[in-house]
Amino acid sequence: MKIDAKITKTLSIGNVKAIADVTLDDSVVIHGVKLIDGKSGTFVSMPSDKWQDKDGNYKHTDIVHPTNADTRSALFHAVENAYQTFSQTAAEAPTDINM
């Protein structure tokens, strides 16, 4: 499976490092995939619906998710690599300071 990721937003506050759009086999796009710095390391969080159960507790259900470990790993690496490339490009970009 061909997986391409494009970083659409980066965040410097909180545990979300970036938000990405992921394209699968040039056929399906998943918007809103998050790259998160967790307690056990960095991971990818898929888009989810937030809902309230009968007891008033909030729950999250993934809208889309990988069905096996190999696909989850490939998706994580695609988003992580896109983030690294995006971060390097941003760091190397010249800044325009008007004085």
N, C-alpha and C. Protein backbone atom coordinates (compact mmCIF):
# COMPACT_ATOMS: atom_id res chain seq x y z
N MET A 1 0.84 -1.18 0.00
CA MET A 1 0.00 0.00 0.00
C MET A 1 0.88 1.24 0.00
N LYS A 2 0.55 2.18 -0.84
CA LYS A 2 1.27 3.45 -0.90
C LYS A 2 0.59 4.43 0.07
N ILE A 3 1.39 4.98 0.99
CA ILE A 3 0.86 5.93 1.97
C ILE A 3 1.66 7.22 1.87
N ASP A 4 0.97 8.32 1.57
CA ASP A 4 1.59 9.64 1.53
C ASP A 4 0.97 10.49 2.61
N ALA A 5 1.79 11.27 3.31
CA ALA A 5 1.29 12.15 4.35
C ALA A 5 1.75 13.57 4.08
N LYS A 6 0.87 14.52 4.36
CA LYS A 6 1.18 15.94 4.21
C LYS A 6 0.79 16.65 5.51
N ILE A 7 1.75 17.33 6.11
CA ILE A 7 1.49 18.07 7.33
C ILE A 7 0.68 19.32 6.98
N THR A 8 -0.45 19.51 7.66
CA THR A 8 -1.29 20.67 7.39
C THR A 8 -1.19 21.72 8.49
N LYS A 9 -0.72 21.29 9.67
CA LYS A 9 -0.62 22.23 10.79
C LYS A 9 0.35 21.66 11.82
N THR A 10 1.16 22.54 12.42
CA THR A 10 2.00 22.13 13.54
C THR A 10 1.59 22.94 14.77
N LEU A 11 1.81 22.35 15.93
CA LEU A 11 1.46 23.01 17.18
C LEU A 11 2.65 22.97 18.12
N SER A 12 2.86 24.04 18.85
CA SER A 12 4.00 24.08 19.76
C SER A 12 3.56 24.01 21.22
N ILE A 13 2.27 24.00 21.47
CA ILE A 13 1.74 23.91 22.82
C ILE A 13 0.94 22.62 22.95
N GLY A 14 1.10 21.93 24.06
CA GLY A 14 0.37 20.68 24.28
C GLY A 14 1.11 19.49 23.70
N ASN A 15 0.43 18.35 23.69
CA ASN A 15 1.10 17.13 23.25
C ASN A 15 0.87 16.80 21.77
N VAL A 16 0.02 17.55 21.07
CA VAL A 16 -0.16 17.34 19.63
C VAL A 16 0.95 18.10 18.90
N LYS A 17 1.78 17.34 18.17
CA LYS A 17 2.90 17.95 17.44
C LYS A 17 2.45 18.47 16.08
N ALA A 18 1.57 17.71 15.42
CA ALA A 18 1.16 18.09 14.07
C ALA A 18 -0.15 17.41 13.69
N ILE A 19 -0.78 17.99 12.67
CA ILE A 19 -1.98 17.40 12.07
C ILE A 19 -1.66 17.18 10.60
N ALA A 20 -2.07 16.02 10.09
CA ALA A 20 -1.73 15.64 8.72
C ALA A 20 -2.93 15.14 7.95
N ASP A 21 -2.81 15.22 6.63
CA ASP A 21 -3.72 14.54 5.71
C ASP A 21 -2.94 13.36 5.16
N VAL A 22 -3.56 12.18 5.14
CA VAL A 22 -2.91 10.97 4.68
C VAL A 22 -3.66 10.43 3.46
N THR A 23 -2.92 10.15 2.39
CA THR A 23 -3.51 9.60 1.18
C THR A 23 -3.09 8.15 1.02
N LEU A 24 -4.06 7.28 0.80
CA LEU A 24 -3.81 5.85 0.65
C LEU A 24 -3.98 5.45 -0.82
N ASP A 25 -2.92 4.91 -1.40
CA ASP A 25 -2.94 4.43 -2.80
C ASP A 25 -3.52 5.44 -3.78
N ASP A 26 -3.25 6.72 -3.57
CA ASP A 26 -3.77 7.78 -4.44
C ASP A 26 -5.28 7.68 -4.64
N SER A 27 -5.99 7.09 -3.67
CA SER A 27 -7.42 6.84 -3.83
C SER A 27 -8.30 7.37 -2.70
N VAL A 28 -7.77 7.35 -1.48
CA VAL A 28 -8.55 7.75 -0.31
C VAL A 28 -7.71 8.70 0.53
N VAL A 29 -8.34 9.81 0.99
CA VAL A 29 -7.64 10.76 1.86
C VAL A 29 -8.30 10.75 3.23
N ILE A 30 -7.46 10.70 4.25
CA ILE A 30 -7.93 10.80 5.63
C ILE A 30 -7.42 12.13 6.16
N HIS A 31 -8.34 13.03 6.50
CA HIS A 31 -7.98 14.34 7.04
C HIS A 31 -7.96 14.27 8.57
N GLY A 32 -7.08 15.06 9.18
CA GLY A 32 -7.08 15.20 10.63
C GLY A 32 -6.38 14.12 11.41
N VAL A 33 -5.37 13.49 10.83
CA VAL A 33 -4.56 12.50 11.55
C VAL A 33 -3.57 13.29 12.41
N LYS A 34 -3.53 12.98 13.70
CA LYS A 34 -2.68 13.74 14.64
C LYS A 34 -1.42 12.95 15.00
N LEU A 35 -0.31 13.66 15.04
CA LEU A 35 0.95 13.11 15.54
C LEU A 35 1.08 13.62 16.97
N ILE A 36 1.09 12.70 17.93
CA ILE A 36 1.01 13.06 19.35
C ILE A 36 2.22 12.55 20.11
N ASP A 37 2.75 13.41 21.00
CA ASP A 37 3.81 13.02 21.92
C ASP A 37 3.15 12.49 23.19
N GLY A 38 3.18 11.18 23.38
CA GLY A 38 2.55 10.58 24.54
C GLY A 38 3.55 10.20 25.61
N LYS A 39 3.06 9.69 26.70
CA LYS A 39 3.92 9.28 27.81
C LYS A 39 4.87 8.14 27.42
N SER A 40 4.41 7.28 26.51
CA SER A 40 5.23 6.14 26.08
C SER A 40 5.89 6.37 24.73
N GLY A 41 5.86 7.61 24.23
CA GLY A 41 6.48 7.92 22.94
C GLY A 41 5.49 8.55 21.99
N THR A 42 5.95 8.81 20.79
CA THR A 42 5.13 9.45 19.78
C THR A 42 4.22 8.41 19.12
N PHE A 43 2.97 8.81 18.83
CA PHE A 43 2.04 7.92 18.15
C PHE A 43 1.10 8.72 17.27
N VAL A 44 0.36 8.02 16.43
CA VAL A 44 -0.60 8.64 15.52
C VAL A 44 -2.00 8.39 16.06
N SER A 45 -2.80 9.45 16.09
CA SER A 45 -4.19 9.35 16.51
C SER A 45 -5.08 9.60 15.30
N MET A 46 -5.98 8.68 15.06
CA MET A 46 -6.86 8.79 13.91
C MET A 46 -8.05 9.72 14.24
N PRO A 47 -8.69 10.28 13.21
CA PRO A 47 -9.85 11.13 13.45
C PRO A 47 -10.93 10.35 14.20
N SER A 48 -11.62 11.04 15.11
CA SER A 48 -12.63 10.33 15.91
C SER A 48 -13.85 11.21 16.16
N ASP A 49 -14.94 10.53 16.51
CA ASP A 49 -16.16 11.20 16.94
C ASP A 49 -16.17 11.22 18.46
N LYS A 50 -16.63 12.34 19.02
CA LYS A 50 -16.77 12.44 20.47
C LYS A 50 -18.26 12.34 20.78
N TRP A 51 -18.60 11.48 21.73
CA TRP A 51 -20.00 11.30 22.08
C TRP A 51 -20.14 11.06 23.58
N GLN A 52 -21.35 11.16 24.06
CA GLN A 52 -21.62 11.02 25.49
C GLN A 52 -22.44 9.75 25.72
N ASP A 53 -21.98 8.92 26.66
CA ASP A 53 -22.74 7.70 26.97
C ASP A 53 -23.91 8.01 27.90
N LYS A 54 -24.68 6.99 28.26
CA LYS A 54 -25.89 7.20 29.07
C LYS A 54 -25.58 7.74 30.46
N ASP A 55 -24.34 7.56 30.93
CA ASP A 55 -23.94 8.06 32.25
C ASP A 55 -23.34 9.46 32.18
N GLY A 56 -23.29 10.04 30.99
CA GLY A 56 -22.75 11.39 30.83
C GLY A 56 -21.25 11.45 30.62
N ASN A 57 -20.62 10.29 30.48
CA ASN A 57 -19.17 10.25 30.24
C ASN A 57 -18.89 10.44 28.75
N TYR A 58 -17.85 11.22 28.44
CA TYR A 58 -17.48 11.44 27.05
C TYR A 58 -16.60 10.30 26.56
N LYS A 59 -16.89 9.84 25.37
CA LYS A 59 -16.15 8.75 24.73
C LYS A 59 -15.69 9.21 23.35
N HIS A 60 -14.66 8.56 22.84
CA HIS A 60 -14.17 8.82 21.49
C HIS A 60 -14.17 7.51 20.72
N THR A 61 -14.67 7.56 19.50
CA THR A 61 -14.67 6.40 18.62
C THR A 61 -13.98 6.78 17.32
N ASP A 62 -12.95 6.02 16.94
CA ASP A 62 -12.24 6.30 15.69
C ASP A 62 -13.20 6.19 14.51
N ILE A 63 -13.11 7.15 13.60
CA ILE A 63 -13.91 7.13 12.38
C ILE A 63 -13.31 6.14 11.39
N VAL A 64 -11.99 6.12 11.33
CA VAL A 64 -11.25 5.22 10.46
C VAL A 64 -10.02 4.77 11.24
N HIS A 65 -9.58 3.53 11.00
CA HIS A 65 -8.39 3.04 11.70
C HIS A 65 -7.77 1.89 10.93
N PRO A 66 -6.46 1.69 11.12
CA PRO A 66 -5.80 0.55 10.48
C PRO A 66 -6.31 -0.76 11.11
N THR A 67 -6.34 -1.80 10.30
CA THR A 67 -6.85 -3.08 10.80
C THR A 67 -5.74 -4.06 11.19
N ASN A 68 -4.47 -3.65 10.98
CA ASN A 68 -3.38 -4.54 11.39
C ASN A 68 -2.16 -3.71 11.77
N ALA A 69 -1.24 -4.35 12.45
CA ALA A 69 -0.05 -3.66 12.98
C ALA A 69 0.86 -3.13 11.87
N ASP A 70 0.98 -3.86 10.76
CA ASP A 70 1.84 -3.41 9.66
C ASP A 70 1.34 -2.11 9.06
N THR A 71 0.04 -2.00 8.85
CA THR A 71 -0.54 -0.78 8.29
C THR A 71 -0.43 0.37 9.28
N ARG A 72 -0.66 0.09 10.56
CA ARG A 72 -0.53 1.13 11.59
C ARG A 72 0.91 1.65 11.62
N SER A 73 1.87 0.76 11.54
CA SER A 73 3.28 1.15 11.55
C SER A 73 3.62 1.98 10.31
N ALA A 74 3.17 1.55 9.14
CA ALA A 74 3.45 2.28 7.90
C ALA A 74 2.82 3.66 7.94
N LEU A 75 1.62 3.76 8.46
CA LEU A 75 0.93 5.05 8.58
C LEU A 75 1.70 5.96 9.54
N PHE A 76 2.12 5.43 10.67
CA PHE A 76 2.89 6.21 11.64
C PHE A 76 4.18 6.73 11.01
N HIS A 77 4.91 5.87 10.32
CA HIS A 77 6.18 6.28 9.72
C HIS A 77 5.98 7.32 8.62
N ALA A 78 4.91 7.21 7.85
CA ALA A 78 4.63 8.19 6.80
C ALA A 78 4.36 9.57 7.42
N VAL A 79 3.57 9.61 8.48
CA VAL A 79 3.27 10.89 9.14
C VAL A 79 4.51 11.43 9.84
N GLU A 80 5.25 10.57 10.53
CA GLU A 80 6.46 11.01 11.23
C GLU A 80 7.50 11.55 10.24
N ASN A 81 7.68 10.87 9.12
CA ASN A 81 8.64 11.35 8.11
C ASN A 81 8.19 12.67 7.51
N ALA A 82 6.90 12.83 7.25
CA ALA A 82 6.38 14.10 6.73
C ALA A 82 6.62 15.22 7.74
N TYR A 83 6.46 14.92 9.02
CA TYR A 83 6.70 15.91 10.06
C TYR A 83 8.17 16.31 10.12
N GLN A 84 9.05 15.32 10.04
CA GLN A 84 10.49 15.60 10.07
C GLN A 84 10.89 16.47 8.87
N THR A 85 10.40 16.12 7.70
CA THR A 85 10.70 16.90 6.49
C THR A 85 10.15 18.31 6.61
N PHE A 86 8.93 18.43 7.09
CA PHE A 86 8.30 19.73 7.27
C PHE A 86 9.10 20.58 8.26
N SER A 87 9.51 19.97 9.37
CA SER A 87 10.27 20.68 10.41
C SER A 87 11.62 21.15 9.89
N GLN A 88 12.31 20.30 9.12
CA GLN A 88 13.61 20.68 8.55
C GLN A 88 13.45 21.80 7.55
N THR A 89 12.44 21.74 6.71
CA THR A 89 12.20 22.77 5.71
C THR A 89 11.89 24.10 6.38
N ALA A 90 11.08 24.06 7.44
CA ALA A 90 10.72 25.28 8.16
C ALA A 90 11.95 25.88 8.84
N ALA A 91 12.82 25.03 9.39
CA ALA A 91 14.02 25.51 10.07
C ALA A 91 15.03 26.12 9.10
N GLU A 92 15.06 25.61 7.87
CA GLU A 92 16.01 26.10 6.89
C GLU A 92 15.50 27.31 6.10
N ALA A 93 14.20 27.59 6.22
CA ALA A 93 13.63 28.72 5.45
C ALA A 93 14.17 30.03 5.98
N PRO A 94 14.52 30.93 5.06
CA PRO A 94 15.02 32.24 5.50
C PRO A 94 13.90 33.06 6.13
N THR A 95 14.25 33.84 7.10
CA THR A 95 13.26 34.71 7.73
C THR A 95 13.40 36.11 7.15
N ASP A 96 12.29 36.77 6.99
CA ASP A 96 12.27 38.12 6.43
C ASP A 96 12.02 39.09 7.58
N ILE A 97 13.04 39.82 7.96
CA ILE A 97 12.91 40.77 9.06
C ILE A 97 12.96 42.18 8.47
N ASN A 98 11.87 42.88 8.65
CA ASN A 98 11.81 44.27 8.17
C ASN A 98 12.20 45.20 9.30
N MET A 99 13.22 46.01 9.08
CA MET A 99 13.66 46.97 10.10
C MET A 99 13.56 48.35 9.55
